[in-house]
Protein backbone atom coordinates (compact mmCIF):
# COMPACT_ATOMS: atom_id res chain seq x y z
CA MET A 1 -63.36 -17.33 8.66
CA SER A 2 -63.35 -20.76 7.15
CA ARG A 3 -60.48 -21.78 4.76
CA LYS A 4 -62.86 -22.27 2.02
CA MET A 5 -64.74 -18.81 2.44
CA LEU A 6 -61.36 -17.08 2.51
CA ILE A 7 -59.92 -18.78 -0.94
CA SER A 8 -63.29 -17.54 -2.34
CA LEU A 9 -63.14 -14.31 -1.20
CA ILE A 10 -59.43 -13.87 -2.76
CA VAL A 11 -60.37 -15.45 -6.03
CA MET A 12 -63.30 -13.07 -6.13
CA MET A 13 -61.36 -10.20 -5.52
CA ALA A 14 -58.34 -11.22 -7.79
CA ALA A 15 -61.21 -11.76 -10.62
CA VAL A 16 -62.53 -8.13 -9.96
CA LEU A 17 -59.18 -6.64 -9.90
CA SER A 18 -57.90 -8.53 -13.06
CA GLY A 19 -60.97 -7.12 -14.88
CA LEU A 20 -60.57 -3.69 -13.57
CA ILE A 21 -56.60 -3.73 -14.73
CA LEU A 22 -57.81 -5.16 -18.04
CA VAL A 23 -60.24 -2.50 -18.83
CA GLN A 24 -57.70 0.33 -17.70
CA THR A 25 -55.11 -0.79 -19.84
CA THR A 26 -57.65 -1.39 -22.85
CA MET A 27 -58.43 2.19 -21.78
CA ILE A 28 -54.84 3.62 -22.04
CA LYS A 29 -54.06 1.73 -25.11
CA SER A 30 -57.01 3.18 -26.95
CA ALA A 31 -56.00 6.76 -25.69
CA SER A 32 -52.61 6.27 -26.99
CA ASP A 33 -53.37 4.79 -30.47
CA ILE A 34 -56.03 7.85 -30.67
CA ARG A 35 -53.14 10.22 -30.09
CA GLU A 36 -50.87 8.73 -31.97
CA GLU A 37 -53.46 8.52 -35.18
CA GLN A 38 -53.99 12.32 -34.51
CA PHE A 39 -50.41 12.87 -34.56
CA ASN A 40 -50.06 10.92 -37.86
CA GLN A 41 -53.06 12.68 -39.55
CA LEU A 42 -51.55 16.07 -38.75
CA VAL A 43 -48.17 15.25 -40.10
CA ILE A 44 -49.72 14.05 -43.33
CA ASN A 45 -51.60 17.28 -43.72
CA ALA A 46 -48.63 19.21 -43.13
CA LEU A 47 -46.76 17.33 -46.10
CA SER A 48 -49.71 17.83 -48.14
CA LEU A 49 -49.38 21.60 -47.43
CA VAL A 50 -45.65 21.57 -48.32
CA SER A 51 -46.63 19.54 -51.40
CA ALA A 52 -49.22 21.83 -52.83
CA ARG A 53 -47.03 24.75 -51.75
CA LEU A 54 -44.21 23.76 -54.07
CA GLU A 55 -46.39 23.18 -56.88
CA LEU A 56 -48.00 26.72 -56.37
CA ASP A 57 -44.48 28.26 -56.31
CA GLU A 58 -43.48 26.35 -59.43
CA GLN A 59 -46.81 27.74 -61.06
CA ARG A 60 -45.79 31.35 -59.96
CA LEU A 61 -42.45 30.84 -61.45
CA ALA A 62 -43.79 29.77 -64.55
CA ARG A 63 -46.15 32.90 -64.88
CA GLU A 64 -42.98 35.14 -64.36
CA SER A 65 -41.11 33.15 -66.98
CA ALA A 66 -44.10 33.65 -69.36
CA ARG A 67 -44.28 37.41 -68.33
CA GLN A 68 -40.60 37.84 -69.18
CA GLY A 69 -40.43 35.54 -71.84
CA GLU A 70 -37.64 33.31 -70.67
CA LEU A 71 -37.06 30.43 -68.31
CA PRO A 72 -34.82 30.58 -65.32
CA GLY A 73 -30.99 31.06 -65.94
CA LEU A 74 -31.37 31.80 -69.49
CA SER A 75 -30.90 35.24 -70.91
CA SER A 76 -32.31 35.12 -74.43
CA GLU A 77 -35.70 36.04 -74.97
CA LYS A 78 -38.27 33.36 -76.29
CA ASP A 79 -40.09 35.14 -78.85
CA GLU A 80 -41.45 31.82 -80.13
CA PHE A 81 -43.56 31.82 -77.05
CA GLY A 82 -45.48 34.89 -78.54
CA ASN A 83 -44.30 37.68 -76.80
CA VAL A 84 -47.34 40.32 -76.39
CA PHE A 85 -45.12 43.29 -75.90
CA PRO A 86 -42.11 43.16 -77.82
CA ARG A 87 -39.29 45.13 -75.92
CA ASN A 88 -37.60 48.02 -77.77
CA LYS A 89 -33.57 48.03 -77.01
CA SER A 90 -33.08 51.61 -77.80
CA ARG A 91 -35.25 53.83 -75.15
CA LYS A 92 -33.39 57.14 -75.50
CA GLY A 93 -35.94 60.13 -75.96
CA LEU A 94 -38.98 57.51 -75.47
CA LEU A 95 -41.69 57.54 -72.95
CA ASN A 96 -41.54 54.25 -70.79
CA PHE A 97 -45.09 53.43 -69.39
CA GLN A 98 -45.65 50.71 -66.68
CA LEU A 99 -48.57 48.81 -66.01
CA SER A 100 -49.18 46.87 -62.84
CA TYR A 101 -50.48 43.40 -62.33
CA THR A 102 -51.82 41.90 -59.42
CA GLU A 103 -52.20 37.98 -58.48
CA ARG A 104 -53.33 36.41 -55.14
CA SER A 105 -51.10 33.66 -54.27
CA ILE A 106 -49.82 31.36 -51.03
CA TYR A 107 -47.93 34.18 -50.22
CA GLY A 108 -50.71 36.73 -50.02
CA THR A 109 -51.74 39.24 -52.48
CA ILE A 110 -48.79 39.86 -54.96
CA LYS A 111 -48.37 43.20 -57.31
CA LYS A 112 -46.19 42.98 -60.13
CA ASP A 113 -44.95 45.74 -62.46
CA ILE A 114 -45.53 44.60 -66.11
CA GLU A 115 -43.38 46.93 -68.68
CA SER A 116 -45.56 47.88 -71.62
CA GLN A 117 -45.24 49.41 -74.89
CA VAL A 118 -42.55 52.08 -75.39
CA PHE A 119 -43.89 55.44 -76.88
CA ASP A 120 -42.38 58.70 -78.07
CA SER A 121 -44.10 62.10 -77.43
CA ALA A 122 -45.11 62.35 -81.08
CA GLN A 123 -47.34 59.12 -80.42
CA VAL A 124 -48.63 60.41 -77.43
CA GLN A 125 -49.39 63.59 -78.88
CA SER A 126 -51.19 62.04 -81.95
CA MET A 127 -53.29 59.62 -79.91
CA GLY A 128 -54.31 62.08 -77.10
CA ILE A 129 -53.85 61.44 -73.34
CA GLN A 130 -57.59 59.68 -73.19
CA LYS A 131 -56.96 57.42 -75.97
CA PHE A 132 -53.46 56.65 -74.72
CA MET A 133 -54.76 55.67 -71.37
CA GLU A 134 -57.67 53.76 -72.91
CA TYR A 135 -54.76 51.55 -75.17
CA SER A 136 -52.65 51.20 -71.87
CA MET A 137 -55.69 49.51 -70.11
CA GLU A 138 -56.43 47.44 -73.16
CA GLN A 139 -53.07 46.33 -72.96
CA GLN A 140 -53.11 45.35 -69.49
CA ARG A 141 -56.41 43.53 -69.89
CA ARG A 142 -54.70 41.55 -72.65
CA MET A 143 -51.50 40.43 -70.45
CA GLU A 144 -53.70 39.47 -67.70
CA GLU A 145 -56.15 37.21 -69.92
CA TRP A 146 -52.90 36.07 -71.63
CA LEU A 147 -51.35 35.17 -68.22
CA ARG A 148 -54.57 33.16 -67.28
CA ASP A 149 -54.90 31.35 -70.35
CA ASP A 150 -53.00 27.92 -71.16
CA LYS A 151 -50.06 29.80 -72.72
CA TRP A 152 -48.25 30.11 -69.44
CA ARG A 153 -48.39 26.12 -68.97
CA SER A 154 -46.05 25.67 -71.80
CA TYR A 155 -43.48 27.41 -69.23
CA LYS A 156 -44.48 25.34 -66.52
CA ILE A 157 -44.22 22.14 -68.47
CA LEU A 158 -40.72 23.00 -69.25
CA LEU A 159 -39.87 23.68 -65.58
CA GLU A 160 -40.96 20.06 -64.92
CA ASP A 161 -38.36 18.72 -67.07
CA ARG A 162 -35.64 20.14 -64.69
CA PRO A 163 -33.94 17.94 -61.78
CA ILE A 164 -35.81 17.96 -58.84
CA LYS A 165 -32.60 19.67 -57.06
CA GLU A 166 -33.57 22.54 -59.26
CA ARG A 167 -37.22 22.58 -58.89
CA ILE A 168 -37.11 22.90 -55.23
CA ASP A 169 -35.29 25.60 -53.28
CA SER A 170 -33.92 24.01 -50.26
CA ALA A 171 -34.52 27.57 -48.17
CA ARG A 172 -38.12 28.07 -49.37
CA LEU A 173 -38.57 24.32 -48.62
CA ASN A 174 -37.22 24.68 -45.07
CA PHE A 175 -39.63 27.76 -44.90
CA PHE A 176 -42.64 25.69 -46.17
CA LEU A 177 -41.80 22.82 -43.65
CA ALA A 178 -41.66 25.14 -40.79
CA ASN A 179 -45.14 27.07 -41.64
CA ALA A 180 -46.69 24.10 -42.19
CA MET A 181 -45.51 22.41 -38.83
CA ALA A 182 -46.88 25.58 -37.00
CA GLU A 183 -50.03 25.67 -38.71
CA THR A 184 -50.85 21.93 -37.66
CA ASP A 185 -49.38 22.80 -34.00
CA ILE A 186 -46.38 20.06 -34.31
CA ASP A 187 -43.92 21.66 -31.95
CA LEU A 188 -41.21 18.66 -32.50
CA GLU A 189 -37.96 18.37 -33.90
CA TYR A 190 -37.91 16.72 -37.10
CA LYS A 191 -35.57 15.80 -39.71
CA PHE A 192 -36.39 15.78 -43.49
CA ALA A 193 -35.09 14.47 -46.76
CA ILE A 194 -36.04 14.78 -50.49
CA LYS A 195 -35.57 11.19 -51.96
CA ASN A 196 -35.91 9.45 -55.47
CA SER A 197 -37.19 6.13 -55.53
CA SER A 198 -36.37 5.22 -59.30
CA LEU A 199 -34.94 1.80 -60.08
CA ALA A 200 -35.68 0.60 -56.68
CA ASN A 201 -33.05 2.54 -55.28
CA GLU A 202 -33.84 5.44 -52.92
CA THR A 203 -31.43 8.21 -53.25
CA ILE A 204 -31.47 11.24 -51.03
CA ILE A 205 -31.32 14.43 -53.13
CA LEU A 206 -31.23 17.38 -50.59
CA GLY A 207 -32.29 17.47 -46.85
CA ASP A 208 -30.67 17.11 -43.41
CA GLU A 209 -27.38 15.85 -43.55
CA GLU A 210 -28.24 13.38 -40.73
CA TYR A 211 -31.03 11.66 -42.00
CA THR A 212 -31.20 8.16 -40.52
CA PRO A 213 -34.65 7.22 -39.39
CA GLY A 214 -33.50 3.73 -38.50
CA LYS A 215 -36.67 1.90 -37.01
CA ARG A 216 -38.68 5.16 -36.48
CA GLU A 217 -41.63 5.72 -38.33
CA GLU A 218 -41.17 7.47 -41.58
CA PHE A 219 -43.63 9.78 -43.24
CA SER A 220 -43.69 10.04 -46.88
CA ARG A 221 -45.36 12.59 -49.51
CA LEU A 222 -45.18 12.41 -53.53
CA LEU A 223 -43.97 15.64 -54.76
CA PHE A 224 -45.58 17.38 -57.85
CA PRO A 225 -48.20 14.77 -58.59
CA ASN A 226 -49.74 16.89 -61.07
CA ASP A 227 -47.01 17.16 -63.67
CA TYR A 228 -48.52 17.11 -67.09
CA ASN A 229 -46.21 14.41 -68.30
CA GLY A 230 -46.84 12.14 -65.23
CA SER A 231 -45.55 12.50 -61.73
CA LYS A 232 -42.33 11.41 -60.97
CA PRO A 233 -40.49 9.13 -57.96
CA ASN A 234 -39.64 12.30 -55.70
CA TYR A 235 -40.72 11.88 -52.31
CA LEU A 236 -40.58 14.39 -49.37
CA ASN A 237 -39.81 12.12 -46.21
CA ILE A 238 -39.79 13.26 -42.82
CA TYR A 239 -39.36 11.53 -39.41
CA PHE A 240 -39.65 12.96 -35.58
CA PRO A 241 -36.32 11.33 -33.40
CA HIS A 242 -38.56 11.85 -30.40
CA ARG A 243 -41.98 10.92 -31.29
CA ARG A 244 -42.46 8.28 -28.81
CA ALA A 245 -41.72 10.42 -26.00
CA TYR A 246 -43.73 13.26 -27.51
CA LEU A 247 -46.76 11.07 -27.58
CA ILE A 248 -46.23 9.61 -24.07
CA LYS A 249 -46.05 13.09 -23.00
CA GLN A 250 -49.18 14.42 -25.03
CA THR A 251 -51.24 11.65 -23.43
CA GLY A 252 -49.54 11.68 -20.14
CA LEU A 253 -52.58 13.89 -18.34
CA THR A 254 -54.75 11.05 -19.13
CA ILE A 255 -52.62 8.13 -18.85
CA ILE A 256 -50.44 8.82 -15.67
CA PRO A 257 -53.80 9.50 -13.07
CA THR A 258 -54.87 6.04 -14.36
CA ILE A 259 -51.55 4.54 -14.00
CA ILE A 260 -51.55 5.77 -10.49
CA LEU A 261 -54.81 4.57 -9.64
CA THR A 262 -54.53 1.43 -10.81
CA GLY A 263 -51.17 0.96 -8.94
CA LEU A 264 -52.73 2.03 -5.91
CA LEU A 265 -55.73 -0.14 -6.31
CA ILE A 266 -53.30 -3.29 -6.84
CA GLY A 267 -51.36 -1.78 -3.62
CA ILE A 268 -54.49 -2.00 -1.62
CA PHE A 269 -55.44 -5.21 -2.82
CA ALA A 270 -51.71 -6.68 -2.06
CA TYR A 271 -51.99 -5.02 1.33
CA ALA A 272 -55.43 -6.44 2.06
CA LEU A 273 -54.23 -9.86 1.23
CA LEU A 274 -51.19 -9.74 3.19
CA VAL A 275 -53.27 -8.43 6.20
CA ILE A 276 -55.86 -11.41 5.59
CA PHE A 277 -53.00 -13.89 6.05
CA ARG A 278 -51.26 -12.16 8.82
CA GLN A 279 -54.57 -12.57 10.61
CA LYS A 280 -55.14 -15.86 9.78
CA LYS A 281 -51.46 -16.67 10.90
CA LEU A 282 -51.86 -14.81 14.08
CA SER A 283 -55.21 -16.54 14.90
CA ASN A 284 -53.71 -19.87 14.66
CA ILE A 285 -50.95 -18.82 16.77
CA LYS A 286 -53.02 -17.34 19.25
CA ASN A 287 -55.22 -20.52 19.01
CA ASP A 288 -52.28 -22.44 19.67
CA PHE A 289 -51.06 -20.35 22.40
CA ILE A 290 -54.15 -20.64 24.27
CA ASN A 291 -54.03 -24.43 24.16
CA ASN A 292 -50.72 -24.71 25.42
CA MET A 293 -51.38 -21.89 28.21
CA THR A 294 -54.45 -23.59 29.13
CA HIS A 295 -52.61 -26.96 29.78
CA GLU A 296 -49.40 -25.67 31.00
CA LEU A 297 -51.51 -23.67 33.66
CA LYS A 298 -54.33 -26.42 34.01
CA THR A 299 -51.30 -28.90 35.26
CA PRO A 300 -50.25 -27.14 38.31
CA ILE A 301 -53.65 -26.04 39.41
CA SER A 302 -54.87 -29.74 39.11
CA THR A 303 -51.91 -30.71 41.27
CA ILE A 304 -52.38 -27.97 43.98
CA SER A 305 -56.03 -28.61 44.01
CA LEU A 306 -55.46 -32.77 44.50
CA ALA A 307 -52.92 -31.99 47.26
CA SER A 308 -55.22 -29.28 49.00
CA GLN A 309 -58.13 -31.97 49.14
CA MET A 310 -55.76 -34.77 50.32
CA LEU A 311 -54.83 -32.71 53.09
CA GLN A 312 -58.53 -31.48 53.61
CA ASP A 313 -60.15 -34.93 53.61
CA GLY A 314 -57.89 -37.02 55.49
CA SER A 315 -57.15 -39.31 52.83
CA ILE A 316 -53.79 -39.54 53.61
CA ALA A 317 -52.11 -40.10 57.23
CA ASN A 318 -51.58 -36.61 58.78
CA THR A 319 -47.70 -37.17 59.69
CA PRO A 320 -45.25 -34.79 59.79
CA ALA A 321 -43.22 -36.14 56.91
CA THR A 322 -46.37 -36.47 54.66
CA ILE A 323 -47.44 -32.93 55.49
CA ALA A 324 -44.37 -31.68 54.56
CA HIS A 325 -44.08 -33.49 51.32
CA VAL A 326 -47.59 -32.51 50.54
CA SER A 327 -46.40 -28.94 51.06
CA LYS A 328 -43.58 -29.04 49.13
CA VAL A 329 -45.42 -30.27 46.08
CA ILE A 330 -47.84 -27.16 46.72
CA SER A 331 -45.28 -24.71 46.70
CA GLN A 332 -43.56 -25.87 44.02
CA GLU A 333 -46.47 -26.07 41.74
CA SER A 334 -47.27 -22.52 42.73
CA LYS A 335 -44.02 -21.44 41.89
CA ARG A 336 -44.34 -23.11 38.29
CA LEU A 337 -47.88 -21.39 37.94
CA SER A 338 -46.33 -17.91 39.09
CA PHE A 339 -43.41 -18.45 36.44
CA GLN A 340 -45.74 -18.92 33.99
CA VAL A 341 -47.96 -16.09 34.27
CA GLU A 342 -44.63 -13.77 34.90
CA LYS A 343 -43.44 -14.96 31.57
CA VAL A 344 -46.93 -13.93 30.13
CA LEU A 345 -46.97 -10.59 31.76
CA GLN A 346 -43.17 -10.03 30.84
CA MET A 347 -43.86 -10.00 27.29
CA ALA A 348 -46.70 -7.54 27.81
CA VAL A 349 -44.25 -5.17 29.44
CA PHE A 350 -42.19 -5.47 26.06
CA ASN A 351 -45.04 -4.91 23.84
CA GLU A 352 -45.77 -1.84 25.64
CA GLY A 353 -42.53 -0.61 25.72
CA ARG A 354 -41.95 -0.03 29.55
CA LEU A 355 -39.05 -2.23 30.00
CA LYS A 356 -36.23 -0.34 31.63
CA LEU A 357 -32.74 -1.74 31.01
CA LYS A 358 -30.13 -1.12 33.66
CA LEU A 359 -26.76 -0.60 31.14
CA ARG A 360 -23.39 -1.45 32.78
CA GLU A 361 -19.93 -2.76 31.43
CA PHE A 362 -19.57 -6.22 32.58
CA ASP A 363 -17.61 -9.35 31.43
CA ILE A 364 -19.48 -11.71 28.82
CA ASN A 365 -16.75 -14.77 29.72
CA ARG A 366 -17.75 -14.45 33.29
CA MET A 367 -21.41 -14.55 33.02
CA VAL A 368 -21.23 -17.31 30.13
CA ARG A 369 -19.06 -19.45 33.23
CA THR A 370 -21.50 -18.70 35.85
CA VAL A 371 -24.52 -19.72 33.77
CA THR A 372 -22.98 -22.95 32.59
CA THR A 373 -21.94 -23.76 35.97
CA ASN A 374 -25.20 -23.41 37.30
CA PHE A 375 -27.14 -25.13 34.28
CA GLU A 376 -24.59 -28.01 34.16
CA LEU A 377 -26.54 -29.98 37.22
CA ARG A 378 -29.93 -30.33 34.77
CA VAL A 379 -27.67 -31.76 32.11
CA ASN A 380 -25.92 -33.92 34.21
CA ASN A 381 -29.52 -35.40 35.59
CA LYS A 382 -30.03 -36.32 31.93
CA ASN A 383 -26.46 -37.90 31.58
CA GLY A 384 -25.76 -35.60 29.00
CA SER A 385 -22.66 -33.09 28.67
CA LEU A 386 -22.47 -29.34 28.53
CA LYS A 387 -19.06 -27.98 27.28
CA THR A 388 -17.77 -24.39 27.44
CA GLU A 389 -15.22 -22.80 25.41
CA ILE A 390 -14.23 -19.42 26.25
CA LEU A 391 -11.90 -17.92 23.41
CA ALA A 392 -12.72 -14.36 23.37
CA GLU A 393 -9.93 -12.29 24.60
CA ASN A 394 -12.11 -8.86 25.00
CA ALA A 395 -15.14 -9.90 26.23
CA ILE A 396 -16.41 -6.42 27.69
CA VAL A 397 -19.75 -5.53 26.40
CA LYS A 398 -22.10 -2.46 28.08
CA GLY A 399 -25.59 -3.97 28.68
CA ASP A 400 -28.12 -5.16 31.35
CA GLU A 401 -26.33 -8.25 32.99
CA VAL A 402 -29.60 -9.84 34.22
CA HIS A 403 -31.61 -9.88 30.92
CA ILE A 404 -28.40 -11.39 28.82
CA THR A 405 -28.08 -13.59 31.52
CA ASN A 406 -31.90 -14.85 31.05
CA VAL A 407 -31.00 -14.86 27.30
CA ILE A 408 -28.46 -17.45 27.81
CA PHE A 409 -30.57 -19.33 30.24
CA ASN A 410 -33.55 -19.39 27.40
CA LEU A 411 -31.34 -20.99 24.67
CA LEU A 412 -29.67 -23.58 26.98
CA ASP A 413 -33.15 -24.40 28.26
CA ASN A 414 -34.47 -24.87 24.61
CA ALA A 415 -31.40 -26.71 23.97
CA MET A 416 -32.39 -29.30 26.99
CA LYS A 417 -36.12 -29.51 26.01
CA TYR A 418 -35.59 -30.13 22.23
CA SER A 419 -32.39 -32.37 22.40
CA ASN A 420 -32.49 -36.27 22.12
CA ASP A 421 -32.15 -38.41 24.96
CA THR A 422 -28.49 -37.58 25.63
CA PRO A 423 -28.07 -33.83 25.06
CA GLU A 424 -24.92 -32.68 23.94
CA ILE A 425 -24.70 -28.81 24.39
CA LYS A 426 -21.70 -26.39 23.41
CA VAL A 427 -21.28 -23.15 24.67
CA THR A 428 -18.77 -20.67 23.06
CA THR A 429 -17.38 -17.09 23.19
CA GLU A 430 -15.17 -15.57 20.39
CA ASN A 431 -13.98 -12.20 19.10
CA ARG A 432 -14.96 -11.24 15.53
CA LYS A 433 -14.71 -7.69 13.83
CA ASN A 434 -15.11 -5.65 17.06
CA GLN A 435 -17.85 -8.00 18.21
CA ILE A 436 -18.32 -10.40 20.75
CA VAL A 437 -19.94 -14.02 19.67
CA ILE A 438 -21.68 -15.93 22.13
CA SER A 439 -22.64 -19.63 20.40
CA VAL A 440 -24.99 -21.95 22.06
CA GLN A 441 -25.36 -25.24 19.84
CA ASP A 442 -27.31 -28.65 20.58
CA ASN A 443 -27.62 -32.00 19.10
CA GLY A 444 -31.63 -31.85 19.01
CA ILE A 445 -34.19 -32.49 16.86
CA GLY A 446 -33.53 -29.27 14.99
CA ILE A 447 -35.79 -26.64 12.84
CA SER A 448 -36.59 -26.94 9.26
CA LYS A 449 -35.43 -24.02 7.10
CA GLU A 450 -38.97 -22.78 6.29
CA HIS A 451 -39.45 -22.07 9.99
CA HIS A 452 -36.05 -19.90 10.69
CA ALA A 453 -37.52 -16.46 9.89
CA GLN A 454 -40.60 -17.22 12.43
CA ILE A 455 -39.24 -18.91 15.39
CA PHE A 456 -38.48 -15.43 16.82
CA ASP A 457 -42.40 -14.49 16.39
CA ARG A 458 -44.38 -13.99 19.76
CA PHE A 459 -46.48 -16.90 20.44
CA TYR A 460 -44.94 -18.89 17.63
CA ARG A 461 -44.08 -22.47 18.10
CA VAL A 462 -42.68 -25.09 15.17
CA PRO A 463 -45.54 -27.15 14.24
CA THR A 464 -45.56 -30.76 15.60
CA GLY A 465 -49.03 -31.92 14.69
CA ASN A 466 -51.08 -33.19 17.39
CA VAL A 467 -47.94 -34.24 19.83
CA HIS A 468 -47.43 -31.76 22.57
CA ASP A 469 -44.42 -33.27 24.31
CA VAL A 470 -42.36 -30.10 24.77
CA LYS A 471 -44.37 -27.29 26.77
CA GLY A 472 -44.17 -23.60 26.35
CA PHE A 473 -46.04 -20.79 25.22
CA GLY A 474 -43.67 -19.81 22.53
CA LEU A 475 -42.43 -16.78 24.14
CA GLY A 476 -38.78 -17.85 24.84
CA LEU A 477 -37.10 -16.71 21.69
CA SER A 478 -39.30 -13.96 21.28
CA TYR A 479 -38.05 -12.39 24.62
CA VAL A 480 -34.31 -13.34 23.36
CA LYS A 481 -34.77 -11.55 20.10
CA LYS A 482 -36.02 -8.26 21.81
CA ILE A 483 -33.17 -8.44 24.53
CA VAL A 484 -30.69 -8.66 21.70
CA ASP A 485 -32.34 -6.20 19.70
CA LEU A 486 -32.42 -3.54 22.77
CA HIS A 487 -28.62 -4.20 23.20
CA SER A 488 -28.02 -3.30 19.40
CA GLY A 489 -27.17 -7.05 18.77
CA THR A 490 -28.19 -9.41 16.40
CA ILE A 491 -28.99 -13.17 16.42
CA LYS A 492 -28.60 -15.88 13.82
CA VAL A 493 -29.63 -19.34 13.71
CA GLU A 494 -28.32 -22.34 12.19
CA SER A 495 -30.45 -25.45 12.03
CA ALA A 496 -31.87 -28.54 10.15
CA VAL A 497 -34.07 -31.36 10.96
CA ASN A 498 -32.26 -33.73 13.22
CA LYS A 499 -28.89 -32.28 12.77
CA GLY A 500 -29.48 -30.03 15.85
CA THR A 501 -29.46 -26.28 16.16
CA LYS A 502 -26.68 -23.43 16.45
CA PHE A 503 -27.85 -19.87 17.84
CA LYS A 504 -25.00 -17.09 17.50
CA ILE A 505 -25.68 -13.64 19.02
CA TYR A 506 -23.63 -10.82 18.29
CA PHE A 507 -22.79 -8.05 20.69
CA PRO A 508 -20.70 -4.97 19.85
CA GLN A 509 -17.74 -4.98 22.33
CA ILE A 510 -15.90 -2.32 24.26
CA ASN A 511 -12.39 -2.15 23.05
CA ASN A 512 -9.76 -1.42 25.80
């Protein structure tokens, strides 16, 4: 896939995903707003119910006051309001007859006993039972008619002049609020207060002691808006401490699946991009590997083919010395070719998990001395120096000595290949916190920081443009990392361009 096509595909996928996320976000916000609006309307309806019931409750109180001829809290009868049934204080030897009056209100049907006229036995005898009953029914009709006309409203007007704290009973207000919340299906903790807003100052008259809405949304309803002399600035205020969490919970059934699906879609898109970039990177690495491998294998094959042709066509003198020289070249190139093929096969063994380590205890210091002694000849041939510092006092580890030896050889080989004209290599062993540390440092071309995390990847080689002066497949450091990991160790790199490279290997030591 070309770079241009890859970028176009990513842009289209990102545009589609962004559009889908925008649509989902809009739908989630719309659902949340609708749910919030519904909740607010339910609260407004509940407050309207409470306000209406407080109004009806005061009307009921006005009718009772009219029937009794006195206002609440007063003992004297108010004859000036035209009592239809004056009471007789002395009732000894008299017949007391009770009539009933029914009224439908917010509490259901209420039956009230209304005391009518008091008759003595002589009056009942003179009137007769039938006439007495007719007279009583007429008295009841007159009472009901009086209670229906405008006369009881005079008591209502007088009740309206009382302070709001006297007009509302806190117990009944709590009862009305609880019923209204139940009727509107609001099952949520709330705080309420009756406030007076006269003269631009809000004063809490009654309600919950800890009424502190803060930044929470507060709902308000005017009380007694139908007062005859005009409504007063008394408001029923309410807020819900856990309103936001309640709304989120209520809309969760529609929002949560959408959020989960959108999150999964974003995750799949990100993973697809990651896979695409990894495949692109792997493709580039493999192409580089094939090019390097072709060059590495072609050189010894060409040398062997040329030497064989020289022996075959007699272009050189077939003297024993010449034949021995050509044979040596063929043998060396064959070994080189075999070594390159073996490195590729060895990495295949690692990837398939078929590597078997032969673990035993051995001395790291002794192993490092042996490796540096054998490698010193190659360094001297380039007029370089190889310095060894054995500082570790406890250098016993448990591992596969052959593979760990190969690890050190690989690091030294890289130090030679990537060094300047005169290599300066330093190998150190030391103890650090129950670990033995092996350091291999050189004065080579170094590695830029952006490639530090990738140099241990299989087939990866630090890009050098079109310059291929250093041969290899990019398998050496990958082999080193796998061997170190299999021994429960770690490897770190410290390097900068043109400042050399230092590899540190940490193995757990065996404490004597």
